[in-house]
């Protein structure tokens, strides 16, 4: 892992050396402008959550609330059982993320470290499934879930997402960059494969695991279409489904909707800000070797 980090650092320095100072400043400026453009919708969402109903659609747009209005946040808890939906989302997203960590890390370890007939065929098949739009899988997935009598349950949200081909690819790439000498030394000492996997491989894979955790948790947290298909009972609604309560035939309650979305996004923001350094390191290491 240390050698992989040094390789990534040398590659970054060599790339930076190819750019002169003006080109570098231009690149940084374009990146900053792109980041600011992407943050404008987020800023509008947060600011709108603090605006009074009569100021939300005011023209020209008010960049700051005048005055600051907290009634939208109170309205969120009046319209929907927010804490119930928050718990459902947390339960489903947490279960999906943990199952992907366990299953995809085992699959990635097998694909990266063992040689057996059909290994490359299996890997190519996994990569091929990444090219299929997920919407095309909803009908066969629904038929399977219905046959197993799992519709309108937590299992219908967790099991179809328990293993993701992108997560398998990510774990395999990360494990290919690990030094094999550590595992070989452990085998010489008599350690079994499970012990090597748990005691040696997994601790070294922390950046990649954090990256996978962020990806899978965020994807499951924000999922809307699949829960809309398999969940009918409002007691099992996740937050994306619950937010639809602020829209009806007569209009949209923009203030409470933006307030609910702000609260919904807050856990993702805190998680990414806390784990950012692991996420960036994991993304760098998984692209070292194909």
Foldseek 3Di string as FASTA:
>chain_A
DVVLVVVLVVVVVVVVVVDDPVRVVVVVVVVVVVVVVVCVVVQLLVQLLQEDQVQNPDPPHDSHHDVGHNVLQVVLVVQAVLVLQAVLLCVQLVLLLVLQLVVLLVLLCCLQPDDDPCSVVVLVVLVVVVPDPVVVCLVVLVVVCVVVVNFQHSCSLRVVRSHHSVSNLLNNLLQNLDDCVVVVVVVVVPDDPVCCCVPPVVVVCQLSSLLSSLVSSVCSLQDDPNCVVRHDDSSNHHLVVRLCSQQDPVGGSSNNSSSSVVVSCVVSVVSCVVSVVSPVVSVSRSPPDD
